[in-house]
Every structure is written in C-alpha cells, then in structure tokens.
Amino acid sequence: MAMNLRVPEDLDRRLEQLAAEEHTSKSALLLHGAVLVLQRHARRREISEGLDFVMSHDAELLTRLEDA
C-alpha cells in the first residue's frame, strides 16, 4: 500500500542522514519505526492485561501481603 507522509524539514534531514549512514532508505527507517511503535504498544497492553488479571484473581492474597 502506498502512503504519502509529510514530515518536518528537520526530521527529513535527520532521516536522510541516518539512511545514508545505515545504507538504507528513509522509507525503510520509517517502516522499522512503525513496527517498533506497534510492538511497544502491544507490550504495554500485555503488561496492563497481566496486572489486571493479578489484581482481580489475587486480590485477597495481595491484601494479606499488604497487612503482613
């Protein structure tokens, strides 16, 4: 899928420089960045769901530990 993306000039210059250093394209850098954002979001969601599970299933235990 094609997409147009407008980036500030400063960011474009920095991407251009990094792309040259890494011998890749700006497009590849931006795709990699998007994957990292999605991975971070998924991980935060997993952690949040895990904490919710512990809080709901182990509430009594946590209360006893709090009082110990």
PDB file of N, CA and C in Angstrom:
ATOM      1  N   MET A   1       0.842  -1.174   0.000  1.00  0.00           N
ATOM      2  CA  MET A   1       0.000   0.000   0.000  1.00  0.00           C
ATOM      3  C   MET A   1       0.891   1.242   0.000  1.00  0.00           C
ATOM      4  N   ALA A   2       0.547   2.176  -0.827  1.00  0.00           N
ATOM      5  CA  ALA A   2       1.300   3.430  -0.890  1.00  0.00           C
ATOM      6  C   ALA A   2       0.697   4.437   0.079  1.00  0.00           C
ATOM      7  N   MET A   3       1.570   5.299   0.594  1.00  0.00           N
ATOM      8  CA  MET A   3       1.110   6.311   1.540  1.00  0.00           C
ATOM      9  C   MET A   3       1.985   7.545   1.387  1.00  0.00           C
ATOM     10  N   ASN A   4       1.383   8.685   1.447  1.00  0.00           N
ATOM     11  CA  ASN A   4       2.136   9.936   1.480  1.00  0.00           C
ATOM     12  C   ASN A   4       2.296  10.350   2.924  1.00  0.00           C
ATOM     13  N   LEU A   5       3.465  10.853   3.255  1.00  0.00           N
ATOM     14  CA  LEU A   5       3.738  11.268   4.616  1.00  0.00           C
ATOM     15  C   LEU A   5       4.477  12.590   4.586  1.00  0.00           C
ATOM     16  N   ARG A   6       3.967  13.538   5.326  1.00  0.00           N
ATOM     17  CA  ARG A   6       4.640  14.837   5.425  1.00  0.00           C
ATOM     18  C   ARG A   6       5.395  14.880   6.744  1.00  0.00           C
ATOM     19  N   VAL A   7       6.672  15.185   6.659  1.00  0.00           N
ATOM     20  CA  VAL A   7       7.496  15.293   7.863  1.00  0.00           C
ATOM     21  C   VAL A   7       8.145  16.663   7.875  1.00  0.00           C
ATOM     22  N   PRO A   8       8.392  17.188   9.051  1.00  0.00           N
ATOM     23  CA  PRO A   8       9.085  18.477   9.139  1.00  0.00           C
ATOM     24  C   PRO A   8      10.474  18.385   8.494  1.00  0.00           C
ATOM     25  N   GLU A   9      10.939  19.514   7.991  1.00  0.00           N
ATOM     26  CA  GLU A   9      12.224  19.551   7.283  1.00  0.00           C
ATOM     27  C   GLU A   9      13.372  19.027   8.128  1.00  0.00           C
ATOM     28  N   ASP A  10      13.388  19.396   9.404  1.00  0.00           N
ATOM     29  CA  ASP A  10      14.466  18.951  10.280  1.00  0.00           C
ATOM     30  C   ASP A  10      14.462  17.423  10.404  1.00  0.00           C
ATOM     31  N   LEU A  11      13.297  16.855  10.594  1.00  0.00           N
ATOM     32  CA  LEU A  11      13.197  15.401  10.702  1.00  0.00           C
ATOM     33  C   LEU A  11      13.606  14.731   9.387  1.00  0.00           C
ATOM     34  N   ASP A  12      13.211  15.315   8.269  1.00  0.00           N
ATOM     35  CA  ASP A  12      13.583  14.771   6.972  1.00  0.00           C
ATOM     36  C   ASP A  12      15.103  14.761   6.796  1.00  0.00           C
ATOM     37  N   ARG A  13      15.745  15.851   7.190  1.00  0.00           N
ATOM     38  CA  ARG A  13      17.212  15.918   7.092  1.00  0.00           C
ATOM     39  C   ARG A  13      17.863  14.849   7.968  1.00  0.00           C
ATOM     40  N   ARG A  14      17.354  14.684   9.176  1.00  0.00           N
ATOM     41  CA  ARG A  14      17.912  13.689  10.088  1.00  0.00           C
ATOM     42  C   ARG A  14      17.689  12.276   9.566  1.00  0.00           C
ATOM     43  N   LEU A  15      16.519  12.024   9.000  1.00  0.00           N
ATOM     44  CA  LEU A  15      16.253  10.712   8.405  1.00  0.00           C
ATOM     45  C   LEU A  15      17.171  10.456   7.214  1.00  0.00           C
ATOM     46  N   GLU A  16      17.361  11.476   6.398  1.00  0.00           N
ATOM     47  CA  GLU A  16      18.248  11.362   5.234  1.00  0.00           C
ATOM     48  C   GLU A  16      19.665  11.010   5.680  1.00  0.00           C
ATOM     49  N   GLN A  17      20.137  11.671   6.718  1.00  0.00           N
ATOM     50  CA  GLN A  17      21.480  11.418   7.218  1.00  0.00           C
ATOM     51  C   GLN A  17      21.593   9.996   7.772  1.00  0.00           C
ATOM     52  N   LEU A  18      20.624   9.586   8.571  1.00  0.00           N
ATOM     53  CA  LEU A  18      20.655   8.238   9.142  1.00  0.00           C
ATOM     54  C   LEU A  18      20.531   7.177   8.054  1.00  0.00           C
ATOM     55  N   ALA A  19      19.683   7.411   7.084  1.00  0.00           N
ATOM     56  CA  ALA A  19      19.526   6.459   5.981  1.00  0.00           C
ATOM     57  C   ALA A  19      20.849   6.281   5.237  1.00  0.00           C
ATOM     58  N   ALA A  20      21.558   7.364   5.020  1.00  0.00           N
ATOM     59  CA  ALA A  20      22.854   7.282   4.345  1.00  0.00           C
ATOM     60  C   ALA A  20      23.854   6.499   5.195  1.00  0.00           C
ATOM     61  N   GLU A  21      23.866   6.770   6.487  1.00  0.00           N
ATOM     62  CA  GLU A  21      24.782   6.069   7.386  1.00  0.00           C
ATOM     63  C   GLU A  21      24.478   4.575   7.451  1.00  0.00           C
ATOM     64  N   GLU A  22      23.207   4.232   7.411  1.00  0.00           N
ATOM     65  CA  GLU A  22      22.786   2.835   7.534  1.00  0.00           C
ATOM     66  C   GLU A  22      22.673   2.126   6.188  1.00  0.00           C
ATOM     67  N   HIS A  23      22.931   2.855   5.116  1.00  0.00           N
ATOM     68  CA  HIS A  23      22.827   2.299   3.760  1.00  0.00           C
ATOM     69  C   HIS A  23      21.438   1.702   3.512  1.00  0.00           C
ATOM     70  N   THR A  24      20.444   2.491   3.830  1.00  0.00           N
ATOM     71  CA  THR A  24      19.052   2.084   3.639  1.00  0.00           C
ATOM     72  C   THR A  24      18.254   3.295   3.179  1.00  0.00           C
ATOM     73  N   SER A  25      16.965   3.134   3.058  1.00  0.00           N
ATOM     74  CA  SER A  25      16.124   4.252   2.611  1.00  0.00           C
ATOM     75  C   SER A  25      15.386   4.866   3.795  1.00  0.00           C
ATOM     76  N   LYS A  26      14.931   6.073   3.594  1.00  0.00           N
ATOM     77  CA  LYS A  26      14.103   6.712   4.616  1.00  0.00           C
ATOM     78  C   LYS A  26      12.825   5.914   4.823  1.00  0.00           C
ATOM     79  N   SER A  27      12.295   5.386   3.749  1.00  0.00           N
ATOM     80  CA  SER A  27      11.090   4.580   3.842  1.00  0.00           C
ATOM     81  C   SER A  27      11.306   3.366   4.740  1.00  0.00           C
ATOM     82  N   ALA A  28      12.440   2.704   4.570  1.00  0.00           N
ATOM     83  CA  ALA A  28      12.742   1.540   5.406  1.00  0.00           C
ATOM     84  C   ALA A  28      12.883   1.937   6.870  1.00  0.00           C
ATOM     85  N   LEU A  29      13.501   3.074   7.126  1.00  0.00           N
ATOM     86  CA  LEU A  29      13.634   3.555   8.502  1.00  0.00           C
ATOM     87  C   LEU A  29      12.264   3.823   9.116  1.00  0.00           C
ATOM     88  N   LEU A  30      11.393   4.470   8.369  1.00  0.00           N
ATOM     89  CA  LEU A  30      10.069   4.785   8.882  1.00  0.00           C
ATOM     90  C   LEU A  30       9.228   3.529   9.099  1.00  0.00           C
ATOM     91  N   LEU A  31       9.364   2.550   8.219  1.00  0.00           N
ATOM     92  CA  LEU A  31       8.654   1.284   8.406  1.00  0.00           C
ATOM     93  C   LEU A  31       9.144   0.583   9.669  1.00  0.00           C
ATOM     94  N   HIS A  32      10.439   0.587   9.869  1.00  0.00           N
ATOM     95  CA  HIS A  32      11.005  -0.020  11.074  1.00  0.00           C
ATOM     96  C   HIS A  32      10.501   0.708  12.323  1.00  0.00           C
ATOM     97  N   GLY A  33      10.445   2.016  12.259  1.00  0.00           N
ATOM     98  CA  GLY A  33       9.924   2.799  13.379  1.00  0.00           C
ATOM     99  C   GLY A  33       8.469   2.471  13.669  1.00  0.00           C
ATOM    100  N   ALA A  34       7.671   2.286  12.638  1.00  0.00           N
ATOM    101  CA  ALA A  34       6.263   1.943  12.829  1.00  0.00           C
ATOM    102  C   ALA A  34       6.129   0.582  13.503  1.00  0.00           C
ATOM    103  N   VAL A  35       6.954  -0.371  13.092  1.00  0.00           N
ATOM    104  CA  VAL A  35       6.933  -1.698  13.715  1.00  0.00           C
ATOM    105  C   VAL A  35       7.292  -1.587  15.197  1.00  0.00           C
ATOM    106  N   LEU A  36       8.294  -0.786  15.523  1.00  0.00           N
ATOM    107  CA  LEU A  36       8.691  -0.611  16.916  1.00  0.00           C
ATOM    108  C   LEU A  36       7.570   0.010  17.748  1.00  0.00           C
ATOM    109  N   VAL A  37       6.869   0.975  17.202  1.00  0.00           N
ATOM    110  CA  VAL A  37       5.750   1.601  17.908  1.00  0.00           C
ATOM    111  C   VAL A  37       4.658   0.570  18.174  1.00  0.00           C
ATOM    112  N   LEU A  38       4.327  -0.235  17.171  1.00  0.00           N
ATOM    113  CA  LEU A  38       3.308  -1.263  17.342  1.00  0.00           C
ATOM    114  C   LEU A  38       3.731  -2.313  18.372  1.00  0.00           C
ATOM    115  N   GLN A  39       4.987  -2.705  18.352  1.00  0.00           N
ATOM    116  CA  GLN A  39       5.486  -3.674  19.335  1.00  0.00           C
ATOM    117  C   GLN A  39       5.416  -3.104  20.747  1.00  0.00           C
ATOM    118  N   ARG A  40       5.809  -1.856  20.904  1.00  0.00           N
ATOM    119  CA  ARG A  40       5.765  -1.215  22.225  1.00  0.00           C
ATOM    120  C   ARG A  40       4.339  -1.141  22.737  1.00  0.00           C
ATOM    121  N   HIS A  41       3.421  -0.769  21.863  1.00  0.00           N
ATOM    122  CA  HIS A  41       2.019  -0.677  22.255  1.00  0.00           C
ATOM    123  C   HIS A  41       1.482  -2.050  22.672  1.00  0.00           C
ATOM    124  N   ALA A  42       1.793  -3.080  21.902  1.00  0.00           N
ATOM    125  CA  ALA A  42       1.333  -4.432  22.223  1.00  0.00           C
ATOM    126  C   ALA A  42       1.899  -4.887  23.565  1.00  0.00           C
ATOM    127  N   ARG A  43       3.165  -4.594  23.807  1.00  0.00           N
ATOM    128  CA  ARG A  43       3.791  -4.995  25.078  1.00  0.00           C
ATOM    129  C   ARG A  43       3.141  -4.281  26.250  1.00  0.00           C
ATOM    130  N   ARG A  44       2.870  -3.001  26.114  1.00  0.00           N
ATOM    131  CA  ARG A  44       2.202  -2.262  27.195  1.00  0.00           C
ATOM    132  C   ARG A  44       0.826  -2.837  27.467  1.00  0.00           C
ATOM    133  N   ARG A  45       0.117  -3.207  26.405  1.00  0.00           N
ATOM    134  CA  ARG A  45      -1.209  -3.799  26.561  1.00  0.00           C
ATOM    135  C   ARG A  45      -1.113  -5.144  27.284  1.00  0.00           C
ATOM    136  N   GLU A  46      -0.124  -5.967  26.924  1.00  0.00           N
ATOM    137  CA  GLU A  46       0.071  -7.257  27.587  1.00  0.00           C
ATOM    138  C   GLU A  46       0.364  -7.073  29.076  1.00  0.00           C
ATOM    139  N   ILE A  47       1.205  -6.114  29.395  1.00  0.00           N
ATOM    140  CA  ILE A  47       1.545  -5.858  30.794  1.00  0.00           C
ATOM    141  C   ILE A  47       0.315  -5.388  31.551  1.00  0.00           C
ATOM    142  N   SER A  48      -0.443  -4.486  30.960  1.00  0.00           N
ATOM    143  CA  SER A  48      -1.649  -3.979  31.602  1.00  0.00           C
ATOM    144  C   SER A  48      -2.660  -5.100  31.836  1.00  0.00           C
ATOM    145  N   GLU A  49      -2.849  -5.954  30.842  1.00  0.00           N
ATOM    146  CA  GLU A  49      -3.776  -7.071  30.986  1.00  0.00           C
ATOM    147  C   GLU A  49      -3.291  -8.043  32.063  1.00  0.00           C
ATOM    148  N   GLY A  50      -1.989  -8.257  32.131  1.00  0.00           N
ATOM    149  CA  GLY A  50      -1.429  -9.120  33.166  1.00  0.00           C
ATOM    150  C   GLY A  50      -1.655  -8.562  34.557  1.00  0.00           C
ATOM    151  N   LEU A  51      -1.427  -7.271  34.713  1.00  0.00           N
ATOM    152  CA  LEU A  51      -1.669  -6.634  36.009  1.00  0.00           C
ATOM    153  C   LEU A  51      -3.137  -6.687  36.385  1.00  0.00           C
ATOM    154  N   ASP A  52      -4.012  -6.445  35.429  1.00  0.00           N
ATOM    155  CA  ASP A  52      -5.449  -6.536  35.695  1.00  0.00           C
ATOM    156  C   ASP A  52      -5.829  -7.937  36.153  1.00  0.00           C
ATOM    157  N   PHE A  53      -5.251  -8.958  35.508  1.00  0.00           N
ATOM    158  CA  PHE A  53      -5.536 -10.340  35.887  1.00  0.00           C
ATOM    159  C   PHE A  53      -5.090 -10.605  37.317  1.00  0.00           C
ATOM    160  N   VAL A  54      -3.865 -10.204  37.654  1.00  0.00           N
ATOM    161  CA  VAL A  54      -3.357 -10.428  39.008  1.00  0.00           C
ATOM    162  C   VAL A  54      -4.218  -9.695  40.024  1.00  0.00           C
ATOM    163  N   MET A  55      -4.563  -8.470  39.735  1.00  0.00           N
ATOM    164  CA  MET A  55      -5.363  -7.682  40.679  1.00  0.00           C
ATOM    165  C   MET A  55      -6.743  -8.293  40.898  1.00  0.00           C
ATOM    166  N   SER A  56      -7.315  -8.883  39.871  1.00  0.00           N
ATOM    167  CA  SER A  56      -8.660  -9.452  40.030  1.00  0.00           C
ATOM    168  C   SER A  56      -8.629 -10.870  40.595  1.00  0.00           C
ATOM    169  N   HIS A  57      -7.606 -11.651  40.277  1.00  0.00           N
ATOM    170  CA  HIS A  57      -7.568 -13.044  40.723  1.00  0.00           C
ATOM    171  C   HIS A  57      -6.810 -13.249  42.032  1.00  0.00           C
ATOM    172  N   ASP A  58      -5.958 -12.321  42.372  1.00  0.00           N
ATOM    173  CA  ASP A  58      -5.154 -12.468  43.582  1.00  0.00           C
ATOM    174  C   ASP A  58      -5.365 -11.314  44.558  1.00  0.00           C
ATOM    175  N   ALA A  59      -6.519 -10.689  44.507  1.00  0.00           N
ATOM    176  CA  ALA A  59      -6.787  -9.534  45.365  1.00  0.00           C
ATOM    177  C   ALA A  59      -6.685  -9.899  46.840  1.00  0.00           C
ATOM    178  N   GLU A  60      -7.233 -11.047  47.224  1.00  0.00           N
ATOM    179  CA  GLU A  60      -7.191 -11.461  48.633  1.00  0.00           C
ATOM    180  C   GLU A  60      -5.757 -11.684  49.095  1.00  0.00           C
ATOM    181  N   LEU A  61      -4.973 -12.363  48.281  1.00  0.00           N
ATOM    182  CA  LEU A  61      -3.570 -12.599  48.605  1.00  0.00           C
ATOM    183  C   LEU A  61      -2.808 -11.286  48.738  1.00  0.00           C
ATOM    184  N   LEU A  62      -3.045 -10.370  47.833  1.00  0.00           N
ATOM    185  CA  LEU A  62      -2.364  -9.069  47.889  1.00  0.00           C
ATOM    186  C   LEU A  62      -2.738  -8.310  49.148  1.00  0.00           C
ATOM    187  N   THR A  63      -3.977  -8.408  49.574  1.00  0.00           N
ATOM    188  CA  THR A  63      -4.428  -7.756  50.781  1.00  0.00           C
ATOM    189  C   THR A  63      -3.724  -8.368  51.999  1.00  0.00           C
ATOM    190  N   ARG A  64      -3.606  -9.690  52.022  1.00  0.00           N
ATOM    191  CA  ARG A  64      -2.920 -10.351  53.150  1.00  0.00           C
ATOM    192  C   ARG A  64      -1.451  -9.964  53.170  1.00  0.00           C
ATOM    193  N   LEU A  65      -0.813  -9.886  52.016  1.00  0.00           N
ATOM    194  CA  LEU A  65       0.593  -9.484  51.968  1.00  0.00           C
ATOM    195  C   LEU A  65       0.771  -8.037  52.401  1.00  0.00           C
ATOM    196  N   GLU A  66      -0.204  -7.223  52.058  1.00  0.00           N
ATOM    197  CA  GLU A  66      -0.141  -5.805  52.448  1.00  0.00           C
ATOM    198  C   GLU A  66      -0.170  -5.675  53.967  1.00  0.00           C
ATOM    199  N   ASP A  67      -0.956  -6.531  54.638  1.00  0.00           N
ATOM    200  CA  ASP A  67      -1.108  -6.471  56.078  1.00  0.00           C
ATOM    201  C   ASP A  67       0.013  -7.176  56.842  1.00  0.00           C
ATOM    202  N   ALA A  68       0.861  -7.918  56.116  1.00  0.00           N
ATOM    203  CA  ALA A  68       1.915  -8.712  56.787  1.00  0.00           C
ATOM    204  C   ALA A  68       3.039  -7.846  57.275  1.00  0.00           C
TER     205      ALA A  68
END
